[in-house]
Amino acid sequence: MKPKYSIVVPVYNEQESIPLFVDASTPIMKNLNEEYEIIFVNDGSKDNTLNVLKSYADKDEHIKFISFARNFGQQAAIFCGLEHSSGDAVIIMDVDLQDPVEVIPMMIEKWKEGFEIVHGKRSKRKGESFFKKITSKLYLKFLQAISGLKIPKNVGEFKLLDRKVVDVINNMPEHDRYLRGLTSWVGFKQTEVEFERKERQAGETKYTLKKMLRLAGNGIISYSTWPLTLSMKCAFIFGFISVVCFITFIVLTCCKIILPLVAWLFPTVVFMFSIMFAIIGFNNIYLRRTYEETRNRPRYIISETKNFEQK
C-alpha cells in the first residue's frame, strides 16, 4: 500500500506567496506518484489570503485549508495542521519558499530508510540579517544549557515527522507548545537533510522581533525550570557579597579608614530591589503559565475549512 504525505503550511498575510508555493510544490508531489495533501492553516490573515486559498481548494482537492477566527500564532497553526493531517509522514514548512520544496523527496527518502524525524538543516541562510543569525545561535546554546535538550543546529520548523511522532505530539496536553523543543524531547530515530535556505520569493516576513522573543520565551519556560532556581542562586551570591563587604569594612576600620556607609546605601537598596523584582517576575511567568493551563482554553478557534472529510 502506497503511503500518504501531508504538507502543513502555516500562512499569515501571504496572498503573494501562496500561488508560488502551489506552483512549485504540486509538480513535485505529483511526481512522487503517491497520495498527498497540502494543508494551509490561515492564521487570521487580514489580506486576501483566505480568498486565494478558497480558489485553489475549489480547483484541487489535494489542497485543503483551515482558517482561524483570529491570529493565534505560528505554533498554534502548525499544531492545528498536525492535528488535522492524515498522512503517514507529515512535512512542516513555510510558504515563502525559503524552505525549498525540492528537499521534500530527499526527506521522504530518509523516512523510507527508517528515520522517524527528518530535520531540514540550513547550510546557508540567505536573506537573513547578521543580527538574526547571531541571536538565534546564542539562544540555541542558552536553551540547550538550561534545558538539557539536544536541539540540532541550524534547523527550524522545516522537518518531516512520522505518523507515530505526530500522534505522540498531538496527545500531549500542554497548551503552549514549542515544536523544536518537542521534536528533540520525544526522541525517536532522527536525521538531517542539508539545504541552502533561499531568500523570500514574495512579500515580507511576518516574523517580527516581538514574535521571535515570544517564541524564545516559550521555549525557555516550556523546557526548563532554570528561572525558578535564580532565587536560591541569588541568595548564595548576595550572601557571599555581604560577607565580603562586612570583612572589608572591618579591615578598613582596623586600618582607621572609615567609609561613609550612606554612600553605599542607595545603590545597594536599589540593586537588591531590582534583583527581587526580577525573581518575582520569573515566578509570575510560571504562575501565568499554570493559570493558562488550568483554564484549558482551546489553542485555536477554527472558523472555516475546505476539502476535509466530515467526521
Protein backbone atom coordinates (compact mmCIF):
# COMPACT_ATOMS: atom_id res chain seq x y z
CA MET A 1 0.00 0.00 0.00
CA LYS A 2 1.35 3.37 -1.03
CA PRO A 3 2.00 5.90 1.75
CA LYS A 4 0.27 9.23 2.02
CA TYR A 5 2.04 12.52 2.69
CA SER A 6 0.75 15.65 4.38
CA ILE A 7 2.36 19.07 3.96
CA VAL A 8 1.43 21.52 6.71
CA VAL A 9 1.90 25.18 5.77
CA PRO A 10 1.03 27.98 8.24
CA VAL A 11 0.20 31.26 6.49
CA TYR A 12 -0.42 34.81 7.67
CA ASN A 13 -0.99 37.59 5.11
CA GLU A 14 0.67 35.55 2.34
CA GLN A 15 -1.55 36.24 -0.67
CA GLU A 16 1.50 36.72 -2.92
CA SER A 17 3.40 33.64 -1.73
CA ILE A 18 0.62 31.03 -1.91
CA PRO A 19 0.40 30.83 -5.75
CA LEU A 20 4.19 30.48 -5.98
CA PHE A 21 4.19 27.73 -3.36
CA VAL A 22 1.36 25.78 -5.03
CA ASP A 23 3.00 26.05 -8.46
CA ALA A 24 6.32 24.83 -7.05
CA SER A 25 5.10 22.05 -4.73
CA THR A 26 2.29 20.45 -6.76
CA PRO A 27 4.50 19.04 -9.58
CA ILE A 28 6.93 17.61 -7.04
CA MET A 29 4.18 15.88 -5.08
CA LYS A 30 2.56 14.52 -8.25
CA ASN A 31 5.89 13.13 -9.44
CA LEU A 32 6.06 11.01 -6.30
CA ASN A 33 3.10 9.06 -7.70
CA GLU A 34 1.73 8.67 -4.18
CA GLU A 35 -1.20 10.16 -2.29
CA TYR A 36 -0.71 13.59 -0.75
CA GLU A 37 -2.45 16.58 0.77
CA ILE A 38 -1.33 20.17 1.24
CA ILE A 39 -2.87 21.72 4.35
CA PHE A 40 -2.72 25.51 4.58
CA VAL A 41 -3.55 26.92 8.01
CA ASN A 42 -4.69 30.53 7.69
CA ASP A 43 -3.68 32.21 10.94
CA GLY A 44 -6.24 35.03 10.89
CA SER A 45 -4.86 36.81 7.81
CA LYS A 46 -6.14 40.31 7.14
CA ASP A 47 -5.33 40.44 3.42
CA ASN A 48 -6.75 38.34 0.57
CA THR A 49 -5.11 35.10 1.76
CA LEU A 50 -8.38 33.31 2.54
CA ASN A 51 -9.88 34.01 -0.90
CA VAL A 52 -6.70 32.83 -2.59
CA LEU A 53 -6.85 29.58 -0.59
CA LYS A 54 -10.51 29.11 -1.49
CA SER A 55 -9.80 29.47 -5.20
CA TYR A 56 -7.07 26.81 -5.11
CA ALA A 57 -9.07 24.45 -2.88
CA ASP A 58 -12.02 24.68 -5.28
CA LYS A 59 -9.83 23.58 -8.19
CA ASP A 60 -7.74 20.89 -6.46
CA GLU A 61 -8.99 18.51 -3.75
CA HIS A 62 -5.40 17.84 -2.70
CA ILE A 63 -5.26 21.42 -1.43
CA LYS A 64 -7.02 21.93 1.89
CA PHE A 65 -7.22 24.86 4.23
CA ILE A 66 -8.16 25.65 7.80
CA SER A 67 -8.94 29.25 8.67
CA PHE A 68 -8.70 30.61 12.22
CA ALA A 69 -11.20 33.03 13.71
CA ARG A 70 -8.26 35.33 14.56
CA ASN A 71 -4.48 35.30 14.74
CA PHE A 72 -3.28 32.64 17.22
CA GLY A 73 0.37 32.46 16.17
CA GLN A 74 2.59 30.27 14.02
CA GLN A 75 3.00 27.47 16.56
CA ALA A 76 -0.78 27.15 17.02
CA ALA A 77 -1.16 26.98 13.23
CA ILE A 78 1.49 24.27 12.95
CA PHE A 79 -0.06 22.08 15.64
CA CYS A 80 -3.52 22.59 14.17
CA GLY A 81 -2.17 21.29 10.86
CA LEU A 82 -0.64 18.29 12.61
CA GLU A 83 -3.92 17.50 14.33
CA HIS A 84 -5.84 17.61 11.04
CA SER A 85 -3.25 15.77 8.93
CA SER A 86 -3.86 12.21 7.77
CA GLY A 87 -0.54 11.35 6.11
CA ASP A 88 1.82 8.57 7.09
CA ALA A 89 4.52 11.23 7.04
CA VAL A 90 3.94 14.94 7.68
CA ILE A 91 6.18 17.71 6.34
CA ILE A 92 6.05 21.12 8.02
CA MET A 93 7.36 24.09 6.04
CA ASP A 94 6.96 27.82 5.38
CA VAL A 95 5.04 29.15 2.39
CA ASP A 96 7.67 31.71 1.32
CA LEU A 97 9.82 29.05 -0.46
CA GLN A 98 12.82 29.79 1.75
CA ASP A 99 12.38 26.11 2.61
CA PRO A 100 12.88 24.61 -0.89
CA VAL A 101 10.19 22.18 -1.97
CA GLU A 102 12.89 20.26 -3.85
CA VAL A 103 14.09 18.96 -0.47
CA ILE A 104 10.81 17.12 0.18
CA PRO A 105 11.73 13.98 -1.86
CA MET A 106 15.09 13.86 -0.02
CA MET A 107 13.26 13.91 3.32
CA ILE A 108 10.87 11.20 2.17
CA GLU A 109 13.81 9.05 1.08
CA LYS A 110 15.31 9.31 4.57
CA TRP A 111 11.91 8.47 6.06
CA LYS A 112 11.68 5.35 3.90
CA GLU A 113 15.11 4.35 5.20
CA GLY A 114 13.57 4.16 8.67
CA PHE A 115 14.09 7.60 10.19
CA GLU A 116 11.08 8.92 12.09
CA ILE A 117 12.10 12.60 12.28
CA VAL A 118 13.98 14.28 9.42
CA HIS A 119 15.18 17.81 10.09
CA GLY A 120 15.88 20.29 7.34
CA LYS A 121 19.31 21.72 8.17
CA ARG A 122 20.30 25.08 6.71
CA SER A 123 23.86 25.02 5.32
CA LYS A 124 23.44 28.63 4.16
CA ARG A 125 20.88 31.20 5.24
CA LYS A 126 20.32 33.79 2.54
CA GLY A 127 18.17 36.84 3.19
CA GLU A 128 18.68 36.76 6.97
CA SER A 129 20.39 39.56 8.85
CA PHE A 130 23.56 39.06 10.89
CA PHE A 131 21.58 40.07 14.00
CA LYS A 132 19.03 37.28 13.46
CA LYS A 133 21.71 34.67 12.79
CA ILE A 134 23.83 35.51 15.85
CA THR A 135 20.89 35.87 18.25
CA SER A 136 19.44 32.58 17.03
CA LYS A 137 22.77 30.85 17.62
CA LEU A 138 23.20 32.32 21.11
CA TYR A 139 19.62 31.48 22.07
CA LEU A 140 20.04 27.86 20.98
CA LYS A 141 23.18 27.49 23.09
CA PHE A 142 21.45 29.07 26.09
CA LEU A 143 18.36 26.86 25.74
CA GLN A 144 20.45 23.72 25.47
CA ALA A 145 22.49 24.71 28.52
CA ILE A 146 19.50 25.27 30.82
CA SER A 147 17.17 22.56 29.49
CA GLY A 148 19.44 19.66 28.57
CA LEU A 149 17.71 19.36 25.19
CA LYS A 150 19.89 18.45 22.22
CA ILE A 151 18.36 20.60 19.51
CA PRO A 152 20.19 20.25 16.16
CA LYS A 153 21.99 23.37 14.96
CA ASN A 154 20.63 25.43 12.06
CA VAL A 155 17.23 23.74 11.99
CA GLY A 156 13.84 25.39 12.17
CA GLU A 157 10.28 24.21 11.68
CA PHE A 158 11.08 22.63 8.30
CA LYS A 159 11.02 18.91 9.09
CA LEU A 160 9.33 15.59 8.36
CA LEU A 161 7.57 13.67 11.13
CA ASP A 162 6.45 10.06 11.03
CA ARG A 163 2.78 9.42 11.90
CA LYS A 164 3.70 7.84 15.24
CA VAL A 165 5.62 11.01 16.19
CA VAL A 166 2.70 13.21 15.14
CA ASP A 167 0.30 11.11 17.23
CA VAL A 168 2.55 11.40 20.30
CA ILE A 169 2.80 15.19 19.92
CA ASN A 170 -0.94 15.57 19.30
CA ASN A 171 -1.71 13.67 22.51
CA MET A 172 0.38 15.98 24.67
CA PRO A 173 -1.97 18.02 26.89
CA GLU A 174 0.08 21.20 27.32
CA HIS A 175 -1.31 24.44 25.94
CA ASP A 176 1.78 26.33 24.73
CA ARG A 177 3.95 24.10 22.59
CA TYR A 178 7.36 24.65 21.02
CA LEU A 179 7.94 22.37 18.02
CA ARG A 180 11.74 22.41 18.02
CA GLY A 181 11.80 21.50 21.70
CA LEU A 182 9.16 18.79 21.37
CA THR A 183 10.83 17.04 18.44
CA SER A 184 14.06 16.88 20.44
CA TRP A 185 12.33 15.81 23.65
CA VAL A 186 10.27 12.93 22.19
CA GLY A 187 13.32 11.08 20.89
CA PHE A 188 12.76 8.56 18.06
CA LYS A 189 15.23 7.92 15.25
CA GLN A 190 16.31 11.27 13.80
CA THR A 191 18.50 12.54 10.97
CA GLU A 192 19.09 15.69 8.92
CA VAL A 193 18.96 16.79 5.30
CA GLU A 194 21.06 19.82 4.41
CA PHE A 195 19.83 22.57 2.10
CA GLU A 196 20.57 26.17 1.22
CA ARG A 197 17.93 28.47 2.61
CA LYS A 198 16.81 30.81 -0.13
CA GLU A 199 15.63 34.38 0.03
CA ARG A 200 11.90 35.01 0.34
CA GLN A 201 10.25 34.81 -3.09
CA ALA A 202 7.39 37.25 -2.43
CA GLY A 203 6.01 39.55 0.25
CA GLU A 204 7.73 40.42 3.52
CA THR A 205 8.45 38.32 6.58
CA LYS A 206 5.68 38.34 9.19
CA TYR A 207 8.01 37.08 11.91
CA THR A 208 8.66 40.27 13.85
CA LEU A 209 11.16 40.69 16.69
CA LYS A 210 8.26 40.61 19.15
CA LYS A 211 7.10 37.23 17.83
CA MET A 212 10.64 35.83 17.91
CA LEU A 213 11.07 36.93 21.52
CA ARG A 214 7.75 35.37 22.44
CA LEU A 215 8.75 32.09 20.80
CA ALA A 216 12.13 32.16 22.52
CA GLY A 217 10.50 32.76 25.90
CA ASN A 218 8.07 29.92 25.27
CA GLY A 219 10.97 27.57 24.56
CA ILE A 220 12.76 28.51 27.79
CA ILE A 221 9.70 28.31 30.03
CA SER A 222 8.37 25.11 28.49
CA TYR A 223 11.58 23.12 28.80
CA SER A 224 13.46 24.49 31.80
CA THR A 225 12.89 25.38 35.44
CA TRP A 226 16.09 27.43 35.39
CA PRO A 227 14.38 30.76 36.22
CA LEU A 228 12.88 29.19 39.33
CA THR A 229 16.37 28.41 40.63
CA LEU A 230 17.50 32.02 40.36
CA SER A 231 16.23 32.98 43.80
CA MET A 232 18.43 30.41 45.56
CA LYS A 233 21.44 31.24 43.38
CA CYS A 234 21.00 34.94 44.07
CA ALA A 235 20.68 34.22 47.79
CA PHE A 236 24.09 32.49 47.80
CA ILE A 237 25.73 35.14 45.61
CA PHE A 238 24.50 38.14 47.56
CA GLY A 239 25.08 36.36 50.84
CA PHE A 240 28.73 35.91 49.81
CA ILE A 241 28.93 39.56 48.69
CA SER A 242 27.51 40.77 52.00
CA VAL A 243 30.07 38.71 53.96
CA VAL A 244 32.89 40.12 51.82
CA CYS A 245 31.57 43.64 52.43
CA PHE A 246 31.44 43.12 56.18
CA ILE A 247 35.01 41.78 56.22
CA THR A 248 36.15 44.72 54.07
CA PHE A 249 34.52 47.25 56.40
CA ILE A 250 36.10 45.59 59.45
CA VAL A 251 39.54 45.60 57.82
CA LEU A 252 39.17 49.26 56.79
CA THR A 253 38.05 50.16 60.28
CA CYS A 254 41.08 48.41 61.77
CA CYS A 255 43.23 50.43 59.36
CA LYS A 256 41.49 53.58 60.58
CA ILE A 257 39.91 54.17 57.15
CA ILE A 258 36.24 54.85 57.68
CA LEU A 259 33.96 54.99 54.63
CA PRO A 260 30.60 56.77 54.79
CA LEU A 261 28.06 53.98 54.90
CA VAL A 262 25.39 56.26 53.46
CA ALA A 263 27.29 56.27 50.16
CA TRP A 264 26.68 52.54 49.86
CA LEU A 265 23.07 52.60 50.99
CA PHE A 266 21.19 53.94 47.98
CA PRO A 267 22.77 51.84 45.16
CA THR A 268 22.69 48.74 47.36
CA VAL A 269 19.00 49.09 48.14
CA VAL A 270 18.09 49.84 44.52
CA PHE A 271 20.13 46.91 43.19
CA MET A 272 18.72 44.47 45.72
CA PHE A 273 15.18 45.55 44.92
CA SER A 274 15.84 45.10 41.18
CA ILE A 275 17.00 41.53 41.80
CA MET A 276 13.99 40.84 43.98
CA PHE A 277 11.57 42.10 41.36
CA ALA A 278 13.34 40.07 38.65
CA ILE A 279 12.91 36.90 40.68
CA ILE A 280 9.27 37.70 41.37
CA GLY A 281 8.80 38.36 37.66
CA PHE A 282 10.16 34.95 36.70
CA ASN A 283 7.93 33.27 39.27
CA ASN A 284 4.94 35.16 37.91
CA ILE A 285 5.70 33.87 34.41
CA TYR A 286 5.37 30.31 35.66
CA LEU A 287 2.25 31.19 37.63
CA ARG A 288 0.79 32.71 34.47
CA ARG A 289 1.60 29.54 32.52
CA THR A 290 -0.06 27.41 35.21
CA TYR A 291 -3.09 29.69 35.12
CA GLU A 292 -3.37 29.36 31.34
CA GLU A 293 -3.06 25.59 31.52
CA THR A 294 -5.76 25.30 34.19
CA ARG A 295 -8.14 27.45 32.14
CA ASN A 296 -7.92 24.78 29.44
CA ARG A 297 -8.98 27.13 26.67
CA PRO A 298 -8.57 25.90 23.08
CA ARG A 299 -5.24 26.67 21.43
CA TYR A 300 -7.09 27.99 18.40
CA ILE A 301 -10.61 28.55 17.05
CA ILE A 302 -11.48 27.41 13.53
CA SER A 303 -13.92 29.46 11.52
CA GLU A 304 -13.79 27.61 8.19
CA THR A 305 -12.31 24.54 6.48
CA LYS A 306 -12.27 23.08 2.98
CA ASN A 307 -11.71 19.60 1.46
CA PHE A 308 -11.57 17.77 4.79
CA GLU A 309 -13.65 14.67 5.27
CA GLN A 310 -16.54 15.15 7.66
CA LYS A 311 -16.02 13.23 10.89
